[in-house]
Amino acid sequence: MSNRSQPVDISSQQTRVNEQDGTVLIYVPGGEFIMGSDEFSSERPPHRVRVSPFWMGRTEVTNAQYRRFLEATNGTPTEYDNKPLYGAPDQPVVGVTWSMAEAYCRWAGGRLPREAEWEFAARGTDGRLYPWGNAEPDSSRAIYGRIFGRGGKPEPVGTTPGDVSPFGILDMAGNVMEWCEDWYAPYPEETGQVLTDPVGPSSGSKRIMRGGCWNFQAFALRTTNRFPTMPEMTGGTEHLGIRLVVGAEGPTADSAS
């Protein structure tokens, strides 16, 4: 496998509108890449992974979308739903536990991203440090470095178009963290063989979150960063959000392009 990324023409990227919740989904064709890094023990060892094609939300799930889900399911709003810093319709929903995020995705006809899918969608095949490449983050590329209690907050989805992955997916560094489907575990020892569609262990105590958030520093926005998180934690969750994935075999939706 070449570890050199091929340019992606985002203007011609295949997209769909998910019928149930209106999420714009971008087709990720799948492929082989190096997952992980030598930076931290939780990211070691770098290993070869192949992922199958899938559809991923171009942005995180918004408050407006999550409210439609609550109305349809008679659900309970998050504690941040009506707070001034977090409740705007086009901001990403925050304050969701793993089970809340999983329930939303199931209702929407999809699921949470697997960790390998998330990293591939953010990183592509060239081993980039950030979704946009290797240049350091700045305010045109990501929402980060804001201070809790001093007006720090997430911005509406898609606010920083410079935060774009090789496949045209936005907001994968900063703004809000995103739950993955997987339980956390150390990566397997490198065997030289390619892992195909890995899903993590069948049980555990923490789930994986990815993507950094609005009050993290630049280094935490790297595409390989893993954040083991208690799945049902409550309080202090103003940075926990959702991104929808639909399998390539999943329900079709109206074309958006």
C-alpha atoms as a PDB file:
ATOM      1  CA  MET A   1       0.000   0.000   0.000  1.00  0.00           C
ATOM      2  CA  SER A   2       1.211   3.459  -0.828  1.00  0.00           C
ATOM      3  CA  ASN A   3       1.189   5.781   2.147  1.00  0.00           C
ATOM      4  CA  ARG A   4       0.851   8.769  -0.166  1.00  0.00           C
ATOM      5  CA  SER A   5      -2.547  10.449  -0.216  1.00  0.00           C
ATOM      6  CA  GLN A   6      -4.257  11.150  -3.522  1.00  0.00           C
ATOM      7  CA  PRO A   7      -6.001  14.533  -3.833  1.00  0.00           C
ATOM      8  CA  VAL A   8      -9.752  14.398  -3.395  1.00  0.00           C
ATOM      9  CA  ASP A   9     -11.985  16.625  -5.518  1.00  0.00           C
ATOM     10  CA  ILE A  10     -14.406  17.676  -2.801  1.00  0.00           C
ATOM     11  CA  SER A  11     -16.642  19.494  -5.280  1.00  0.00           C
ATOM     12  CA  SER A  12     -17.524  16.168  -6.891  1.00  0.00           C
ATOM     13  CA  GLN A  13     -17.679  14.157  -3.663  1.00  0.00           C
ATOM     14  CA  GLN A  14     -20.636  11.805  -3.562  1.00  0.00           C
ATOM     15  CA  THR A  15     -23.154  12.912  -0.954  1.00  0.00           C
ATOM     16  CA  ARG A  16     -26.605  11.931   0.242  1.00  0.00           C
ATOM     17  CA  VAL A  17     -29.172  13.438   2.557  1.00  0.00           C
ATOM     18  CA  ASN A  18     -30.179  10.996   5.256  1.00  0.00           C
ATOM     19  CA  GLU A  19     -33.965  10.799   5.062  1.00  0.00           C
ATOM     20  CA  GLN A  20     -34.646  10.376   8.772  1.00  0.00           C
ATOM     21  CA  ASP A  21     -32.678  13.268  10.256  1.00  0.00           C
ATOM     22  CA  GLY A  22     -31.481  15.387   7.333  1.00  0.00           C
ATOM     23  CA  THR A  23     -27.773  14.754   7.890  1.00  0.00           C
ATOM     24  CA  VAL A  24     -25.667  15.340   4.790  1.00  0.00           C
ATOM     25  CA  LEU A  25     -23.656  12.141   4.421  1.00  0.00           C
ATOM     26  CA  ILE A  26     -20.383  11.945   2.522  1.00  0.00           C
ATOM     27  CA  TYR A  27     -19.301   8.691   0.912  1.00  0.00           C
ATOM     28  CA  VAL A  28     -15.951   7.441   2.225  1.00  0.00           C
ATOM     29  CA  PRO A  29     -14.717   4.815  -0.248  1.00  0.00           C
ATOM     30  CA  GLY A  30     -12.751   2.791   2.270  1.00  0.00           C
ATOM     31  CA  GLY A  31      -9.157   1.739   1.902  1.00  0.00           C
ATOM     32  CA  GLU A  32      -5.989   0.825   3.724  1.00  0.00           C
ATOM     33  CA  PHE A  33      -4.002   3.121   6.007  1.00  0.00           C
ATOM     34  CA  ILE A  34      -1.660   3.259   8.965  1.00  0.00           C
ATOM     35  CA  MET A  35      -3.688   3.638  12.160  1.00  0.00           C
ATOM     36  CA  GLY A  36      -2.114   4.969  15.342  1.00  0.00           C
ATOM     37  CA  SER A  37       1.261   6.568  15.988  1.00  0.00           C
ATOM     38  CA  ASP A  38       4.375   6.318  18.144  1.00  0.00           C
ATOM     39  CA  GLU A  39       3.449   9.507  20.021  1.00  0.00           C
ATOM     40  CA  PHE A  40       1.725   8.012  23.091  1.00  0.00           C
ATOM     41  CA  SER A  41       1.320   4.532  24.518  1.00  0.00           C
ATOM     42  CA  SER A  42      -2.429   4.540  23.814  1.00  0.00           C
ATOM     43  CA  GLU A  43      -1.676   5.149  20.130  1.00  0.00           C
ATOM     44  CA  ARG A  44       0.957   2.425  19.786  1.00  0.00           C
ATOM     45  CA  PRO A  45       1.808   0.496  17.781  1.00  0.00           C
ATOM     46  CA  PRO A  46       1.067   2.001  14.383  1.00  0.00           C
ATOM     47  CA  HIS A  47      -0.616  -0.787  12.429  1.00  0.00           C
ATOM     48  CA  ARG A  48      -2.180  -1.412   9.043  1.00  0.00           C
ATOM     49  CA  VAL A  49      -5.950  -1.350   8.831  1.00  0.00           C
ATOM     50  CA  ARG A  50      -8.365  -1.748   5.965  1.00  0.00           C
ATOM     51  CA  VAL A  51     -11.848  -0.276   6.263  1.00  0.00           C
ATOM     52  CA  SER A  52     -14.850  -0.942   4.046  1.00  0.00           C
ATOM     53  CA  PRO A  53     -16.787   1.900   2.414  1.00  0.00           C
ATOM     54  CA  PHE A  54     -19.248   3.845   4.557  1.00  0.00           C
ATOM     55  CA  TRP A  55     -21.182   7.109   4.704  1.00  0.00           C
ATOM     56  CA  MET A  56     -20.309   9.693   7.357  1.00  0.00           C
ATOM     57  CA  GLY A  57     -22.005  12.909   8.434  1.00  0.00           C
ATOM     58  CA  ARG A  58     -20.348  15.958   6.897  1.00  0.00           C
ATOM     59  CA  THR A  59     -20.757  17.685  10.261  1.00  0.00           C
ATOM     60  CA  GLU A  60     -21.691  16.735  13.795  1.00  0.00           C
ATOM     61  CA  VAL A  61     -25.330  16.292  14.796  1.00  0.00           C
ATOM     62  CA  THR A  62     -26.899  19.655  15.678  1.00  0.00           C
ATOM     63  CA  ASN A  63     -29.229  20.676  18.472  1.00  0.00           C
ATOM     64  CA  ALA A  64     -32.033  21.089  15.929  1.00  0.00           C
ATOM     65  CA  GLN A  65     -31.587  17.512  14.733  1.00  0.00           C
ATOM     66  CA  TYR A  66     -31.378  16.138  18.256  1.00  0.00           C
ATOM     67  CA  ARG A  67     -34.562  17.973  19.242  1.00  0.00           C
ATOM     68  CA  ARG A  68     -36.415  16.314  16.371  1.00  0.00           C
ATOM     69  CA  PHE A  69     -35.214  12.972  17.699  1.00  0.00           C
ATOM     70  CA  LEU A  70     -36.439  13.832  21.196  1.00  0.00           C
ATOM     71  CA  GLU A  71     -39.825  14.881  19.848  1.00  0.00           C
ATOM     72  CA  ALA A  72     -40.159  11.667  17.851  1.00  0.00           C
ATOM     73  CA  THR A  73     -39.128   9.438  20.766  1.00  0.00           C
ATOM     74  CA  ASN A  74     -40.534  11.424  23.697  1.00  0.00           C
ATOM     75  CA  GLY A  75     -36.993  11.750  25.001  1.00  0.00           C
ATOM     76  CA  THR A  76     -35.450  14.011  27.630  1.00  0.00           C
ATOM     77  CA  PRO A  77     -33.332  17.014  26.562  1.00  0.00           C
ATOM     78  CA  THR A  78     -29.710  17.241  27.644  1.00  0.00           C
ATOM     79  CA  GLU A  79     -28.837  19.554  30.525  1.00  0.00           C
ATOM     80  CA  TYR A  80     -27.346  22.011  28.007  1.00  0.00           C
ATOM     81  CA  ASP A  81     -30.357  22.192  25.702  1.00  0.00           C
ATOM     82  CA  ASN A  82     -31.514  25.683  26.684  1.00  0.00           C
ATOM     83  CA  LYS A  83     -28.274  27.146  28.012  1.00  0.00           C
ATOM     84  CA  PRO A  84     -27.211  30.300  26.134  1.00  0.00           C
ATOM     85  CA  LEU A  85     -23.725  29.070  25.255  1.00  0.00           C
ATOM     86  CA  TYR A  86     -24.790  25.663  23.977  1.00  0.00           C
ATOM     87  CA  GLY A  87     -28.412  25.658  22.806  1.00  0.00           C
ATOM     88  CA  ALA A  88     -28.458  27.344  19.385  1.00  0.00           C
ATOM     89  CA  PRO A  89     -30.128  25.181  16.721  1.00  0.00           C
ATOM     90  CA  ASP A  90     -27.033  25.014  14.492  1.00  0.00           C
ATOM     91  CA  GLN A  91     -24.554  24.288  17.271  1.00  0.00           C
ATOM     92  CA  PRO A  92     -23.549  20.649  17.759  1.00  0.00           C
ATOM     93  CA  VAL A  93     -25.563  18.905  20.444  1.00  0.00           C
ATOM     94  CA  VAL A  94     -23.518  18.350  23.616  1.00  0.00           C
ATOM     95  CA  GLY A  95     -24.059  16.617  26.920  1.00  0.00           C
ATOM     96  CA  VAL A  96     -24.908  13.242  25.418  1.00  0.00           C
ATOM     97  CA  THR A  97     -23.807   9.974  26.974  1.00  0.00           C
ATOM     98  CA  TRP A  98     -22.698   7.078  24.777  1.00  0.00           C
ATOM     99  CA  SER A  99     -26.107   5.400  25.037  1.00  0.00           C
ATOM    100  CA  MET A 100     -27.869   8.659  24.110  1.00  0.00           C
ATOM    101  CA  ALA A 101     -25.595   9.056  21.088  1.00  0.00           C
ATOM    102  CA  GLU A 102     -26.113   5.418  20.094  1.00  0.00           C
ATOM    103  CA  ALA A 103     -29.895   5.760  20.406  1.00  0.00           C
ATOM    104  CA  TYR A 104     -29.888   8.841  18.188  1.00  0.00           C
ATOM    105  CA  CYS A 105     -27.872   7.115  15.477  1.00  0.00           C
ATOM    106  CA  ARG A 106     -30.093   4.038  15.608  1.00  0.00           C
ATOM    107  CA  TRP A 107     -33.196   6.231  15.266  1.00  0.00           C
ATOM    108  CA  ALA A 108     -31.560   8.014  12.318  1.00  0.00           C
ATOM    109  CA  GLY A 109     -31.028   4.693  10.540  1.00  0.00           C
ATOM    110  CA  GLY A 110     -27.310   4.437  11.167  1.00  0.00           C
ATOM    111  CA  ARG A 111     -24.785   3.977  13.945  1.00  0.00           C
ATOM    112  CA  LEU A 112     -21.818   5.574  15.633  1.00  0.00           C
ATOM    113  CA  PRO A 113     -18.514   5.458  13.740  1.00  0.00           C
ATOM    114  CA  ARG A 114     -16.119   2.662  14.510  1.00  0.00           C
ATOM    115  CA  GLU A 115     -12.820   4.025  15.723  1.00  0.00           C
ATOM    116  CA  ALA A 116     -10.944   2.826  12.628  1.00  0.00           C
ATOM    117  CA  GLU A 117     -13.552   4.448  10.370  1.00  0.00           C
ATOM    118  CA  TRP A 118     -13.250   7.707  12.266  1.00  0.00           C
ATOM    119  CA  GLU A 119      -9.466   7.847  11.978  1.00  0.00           C
ATOM    120  CA  PHE A 120      -9.497   6.886   8.307  1.00  0.00           C
ATOM    121  CA  ALA A 121     -12.102   9.545   7.519  1.00  0.00           C
ATOM    122  CA  ALA A 122     -10.046  12.169   9.382  1.00  0.00           C
ATOM    123  CA  ARG A 123      -6.589  11.110   8.288  1.00  0.00           C
ATOM    124  CA  GLY A 124      -6.759   9.550   4.847  1.00  0.00           C
ATOM    125  CA  THR A 125      -3.778   7.504   3.712  1.00  0.00           C
ATOM    126  CA  ASP A 126      -0.869   9.928   4.055  1.00  0.00           C
ATOM    127  CA  GLY A 127      -0.377   9.830   7.834  1.00  0.00           C
ATOM    128  CA  ARG A 128      -1.363  13.470   8.323  1.00  0.00           C
ATOM    129  CA  LEU A 129      -1.306  14.966  11.809  1.00  0.00           C
ATOM    130  CA  TYR A 130      -4.580  16.867  11.418  1.00  0.00           C
ATOM    131  CA  PRO A 131      -7.522  16.435   9.069  1.00  0.00           C
ATOM    132  CA  TRP A 132      -6.299  19.255   6.795  1.00  0.00           C
ATOM    133  CA  GLY A 133      -2.645  18.109   6.736  1.00  0.00           C
ATOM    134  CA  ASN A 134       0.406  18.738   8.893  1.00  0.00           C
ATOM    135  CA  ALA A 135       0.160  22.511   9.383  1.00  0.00           C
ATOM    136  CA  GLU A 136      -0.453  23.551  12.972  1.00  0.00           C
ATOM    137  CA  PRO A 137      -4.015  24.457  13.969  1.00  0.00           C
ATOM    138  CA  ASP A 138      -5.146  28.065  13.918  1.00  0.00           C
ATOM    139  CA  SER A 139      -8.480  29.860  14.221  1.00  0.00           C
ATOM    140  CA  SER A 140      -9.282  29.357  10.530  1.00  0.00           C
ATOM    141  CA  ARG A 141      -8.944  25.603  10.867  1.00  0.00           C
ATOM    142  CA  ALA A 142     -10.471  24.594  14.181  1.00  0.00           C
ATOM    143  CA  ILE A 143     -12.466  25.647  17.229  1.00  0.00           C
ATOM    144  CA  TYR A 144     -10.101  25.032  20.166  1.00  0.00           C
ATOM    145  CA  GLY A 145      -8.244  26.696  23.024  1.00  0.00           C
ATOM    146  CA  ARG A 146     -11.314  28.375  24.502  1.00  0.00           C
ATOM    147  CA  ILE A 147     -11.748  28.752  28.243  1.00  0.00           C
ATOM    148  CA  PHE A 148     -14.587  27.153  30.147  1.00  0.00           C
ATOM    149  CA  GLY A 149     -16.418  29.743  32.243  1.00  0.00           C
ATOM    150  CA  ARG A 150     -15.060  32.643  30.202  1.00  0.00           C
ATOM    151  CA  GLY A 151     -17.406  32.464  27.251  1.00  0.00           C
ATOM    152  CA  GLY A 152     -15.835  29.339  25.781  1.00  0.00           C
ATOM    153  CA  LYS A 153     -18.303  27.336  23.726  1.00  0.00           C
ATOM    154  CA  PRO A 154     -18.696  25.275  20.558  1.00  0.00           C
ATOM    155  CA  GLU A 155     -19.564  27.102  17.356  1.00  0.00           C
ATOM    156  CA  PRO A 156     -22.207  26.215  14.759  1.00  0.00           C
ATOM    157  CA  VAL A 157     -21.205  23.186  12.718  1.00  0.00           C
ATOM    158  CA  GLY A 158     -19.072  23.990   9.688  1.00  0.00           C
ATOM    159  CA  THR A 159     -17.853  27.325  11.103  1.00  0.00           C
ATOM    160  CA  THR A 160     -14.216  26.596  10.168  1.00  0.00           C
ATOM    161  CA  PRO A 161     -14.132  25.286   6.575  1.00  0.00           C
ATOM    162  CA  GLY A 162     -10.367  24.875   6.918  1.00  0.00           C
ATOM    163  CA  ASP A 163     -11.068  21.932   9.235  1.00  0.00           C
ATOM    164  CA  VAL A 164     -11.743  19.558   6.346  1.00  0.00           C
ATOM    165  CA  SER A 165     -10.598  15.962   5.988  1.00  0.00           C
ATOM    166  CA  PRO A 166      -9.282  14.331   2.790  1.00  0.00           C
ATOM    167  CA  PHE A 167     -12.861  13.228   2.078  1.00  0.00           C
ATOM    168  CA  GLY A 168     -14.524  16.593   2.612  1.00  0.00           C
ATOM    169  CA  ILE A 169     -15.753  15.933   6.159  1.00  0.00           C
ATOM    170  CA  LEU A 170     -15.787  18.959   8.463  1.00  0.00           C
ATOM    171  CA  ASP A 171     -15.118  19.589  12.156  1.00  0.00           C
ATOM    172  CA  MET A 172     -12.989  16.517  12.868  1.00  0.00           C
ATOM    173  CA  ALA A 173     -10.534  18.563  14.952  1.00  0.00           C
ATOM    174  CA  GLY A 174     -12.011  20.625  17.753  1.00  0.00           C
ATOM    175  CA  ASN A 175     -15.504  22.001  18.357  1.00  0.00           C
ATOM    176  CA  VAL A 176     -16.907  18.905  20.114  1.00  0.00           C
ATOM    177  CA  MET A 177     -15.645  15.407  20.751  1.00  0.00           C
ATOM    178  CA  GLU A 178     -17.414  12.531  19.043  1.00  0.00           C
ATOM    179  CA  TRP A 179     -18.399   9.159  20.460  1.00  0.00           C
ATOM    180  CA  CYS A 180     -17.211   6.047  18.645  1.00  0.00           C
ATOM    181  CA  GLU A 181     -18.861   2.651  18.746  1.00  0.00           C
ATOM    182  CA  ASP A 182     -15.832   0.855  20.216  1.00  0.00           C
ATOM    183  CA  TRP A 183     -14.877  -0.056  23.748  1.00  0.00           C
ATOM    184  CA  TYR A 184     -11.386   1.166  24.564  1.00  0.00           C
ATOM    185  CA  ALA A 185      -8.465  -1.267  24.583  1.00  0.00           C
ATOM    186  CA  PRO A 186      -4.767  -0.994  23.704  1.00  0.00           C
ATOM    187  CA  TYR A 187      -4.062  -1.616  20.069  1.00  0.00           C
ATOM    188  CA  PRO A 188      -2.959  -5.157  19.185  1.00  0.00           C
ATOM    189  CA  GLU A 189       0.708  -5.831  18.680  1.00  0.00           C
ATOM    190  CA  GLU A 190       1.840  -5.251  15.118  1.00  0.00           C
ATOM    191  CA  THR A 191       1.993  -8.557  13.238  1.00  0.00           C
ATOM    192  CA  GLY A 192       2.585  -7.260   9.739  1.00  0.00           C
ATOM    193  CA  GLN A 193      -0.893  -8.358   8.752  1.00  0.00           C
ATOM    194  CA  VAL A 194      -3.670  -5.976   7.778  1.00  0.00           C
ATOM    195  CA  LEU A 195      -6.646  -5.782  10.145  1.00  0.00           C
ATOM    196  CA  THR A 196      -9.933  -5.541   8.267  1.00  0.00           C
ATOM    197  CA  ASP A 197     -12.754  -3.484   9.801  1.00  0.00           C
ATOM    198  CA  PRO A 198     -11.590  -3.842  13.431  1.00  0.00           C
ATOM    199  CA  VAL A 199     -14.282  -3.152  16.023  1.00  0.00           C
ATOM    200  CA  GLY A 200     -12.434  -3.256  19.346  1.00  0.00           C
ATOM    201  CA  PRO A 201     -13.185  -5.615  22.254  1.00  0.00           C
ATOM    202  CA  SER A 202     -16.646  -6.974  23.034  1.00  0.00           C
ATOM    203  CA  SER A 203     -16.737  -5.294  26.462  1.00  0.00           C
ATOM    204  CA  GLY A 204     -14.882  -2.826  28.624  1.00  0.00           C
ATOM    205  CA  SER A 205     -15.208   0.055  31.049  1.00  0.00           C
ATOM    206  CA  LYS A 206     -14.647   3.013  28.706  1.00  0.00           C
ATOM    207  CA  ARG A 207     -15.724   3.911  25.194  1.00  0.00           C
ATOM    208  CA  ILE A 208     -13.627   5.817  22.683  1.00  0.00           C
ATOM    209  CA  MET A 209     -14.085   9.476  21.832  1.00  0.00           C
ATOM    210  CA  ARG A 210     -12.284  11.226  19.001  1.00  0.00           C
ATOM    211  CA  GLY A 211     -11.694  14.672  17.582  1.00  0.00           C
ATOM    212  CA  GLY A 212     -10.733  17.046  20.384  1.00  0.00           C
ATOM    213  CA  CYS A 213     -13.025  19.912  21.408  1.00  0.00           C
ATOM    214  CA  TRP A 214     -13.443  23.646  21.878  1.00  0.00           C
ATOM    215  CA  ASN A 215     -11.509  23.843  25.170  1.00  0.00           C
ATOM    216  CA  PHE A 216      -8.606  21.550  24.214  1.00  0.00           C
ATOM    217  CA  GLN A 217      -5.185  22.770  23.145  1.00  0.00           C
ATOM    218  CA  ALA A 218      -3.808  22.293  19.649  1.00  0.00           C
ATOM    219  CA  PHE A 219      -1.828  19.127  20.356  1.00  0.00           C
ATOM    220  CA  ALA A 220      -4.996  17.282  21.386  1.00  0.00           C
ATOM    221  CA  LEU A 221      -6.553  17.802  17.944  1.00  0.00           C
ATOM    222  CA  ARG A 222      -4.292  15.269  16.219  1.00  0.00           C
ATOM    223  CA  THR A 223      -6.033  12.615  14.112  1.00  0.00           C
ATOM    224  CA  THR A 224      -4.524   9.759  16.139  1.00  0.00           C
ATOM    225  CA  ASN A 225      -5.520  11.022  19.591  1.00  0.00           C
ATOM    226  CA  ARG A 226      -7.716   8.583  21.536  1.00  0.00           C
ATOM    227  CA  PHE A 227      -9.870   9.634  24.472  1.00  0.00           C
ATOM    228  CA  PRO A 228     -11.114   6.728  26.644  1.00  0.00           C
ATOM    229  CA  THR A 229     -14.277   8.024  28.328  1.00  0.00           C
ATOM    230  CA  MET A 230     -16.800   6.638  30.785  1.00  0.00           C
ATOM    231  CA  PRO A 231     -19.798   5.946  28.544  1.00  0.00           C
ATOM    232  CA  GLU A 232     -22.519   7.156  30.899  1.00  0.00           C
ATOM    233  CA  MET A 233     -20.729  10.059  32.567  1.00  0.00           C
ATOM    234  CA  THR A 234     -22.935  13.005  33.506  1.00  0.00           C
ATOM    235  CA  GLY A 235     -22.022  16.556  34.400  1.00  0.00           C
ATOM    236  CA  GLY A 236     -19.148  18.381  32.778  1.00  0.00           C
ATOM    237  CA  THR A 237     -20.132  16.942  29.403  1.00  0.00           C
ATOM    238  CA  GLU A 238     -20.456  20.188  27.462  1.00  0.00           C
ATOM    239  CA  HIS A 239     -17.912  18.859  24.972  1.00  0.00           C
ATOM    240  CA  LEU A 240     -19.412  15.424  24.124  1.00  0.00           C
ATOM    241  CA  GLY A 241     -21.211  15.162  20.774  1.00  0.00           C
ATOM    242  CA  ILE A 242     -22.338  12.854  17.973  1.00  0.00           C
ATOM    243  CA  ARG A 243     -21.440  12.118  14.358  1.00  0.00           C
ATOM    244  CA  LEU A 244     -23.605   9.763  12.308  1.00  0.00           C
ATOM    245  CA  VAL A 245     -22.356   6.896  10.157  1.00  0.00           C
ATOM    246  CA  VAL A 246     -24.433   4.785   7.784  1.00  0.00           C
ATOM    247  CA  GLY A 247     -22.944   1.606   6.355  1.00  0.00           C
ATOM    248  CA  ALA A 248     -22.487   1.477   2.594  1.00  0.00           C
ATOM    249  CA  GLU A 249     -25.126  -1.239   2.596  1.00  0.00           C
ATOM    250  CA  GLY A 250     -27.459   0.980   4.648  1.00  0.00           C
ATOM    251  CA  PRO A 251     -30.657   2.680   3.527  1.00  0.00           C
ATOM    252  CA  THR A 252     -30.441   4.901   0.480  1.00  0.00           C
ATOM    253  CA  ALA A 253     -31.360   8.537   0.710  1.00  0.00           C
ATOM    254  CA  ASP A 254     -32.053  11.435  -1.592  1.00  0.00           C
ATOM    255  CA  SER A 255     -29.061  12.741  -3.485  1.00  0.00           C
ATOM    256  CA  ALA A 256     -27.649  16.047  -2.263  1.00  0.00           C
ATOM    257  CA  SER A 257     -25.393  16.670  -5.209  1.00  0.00           C
END
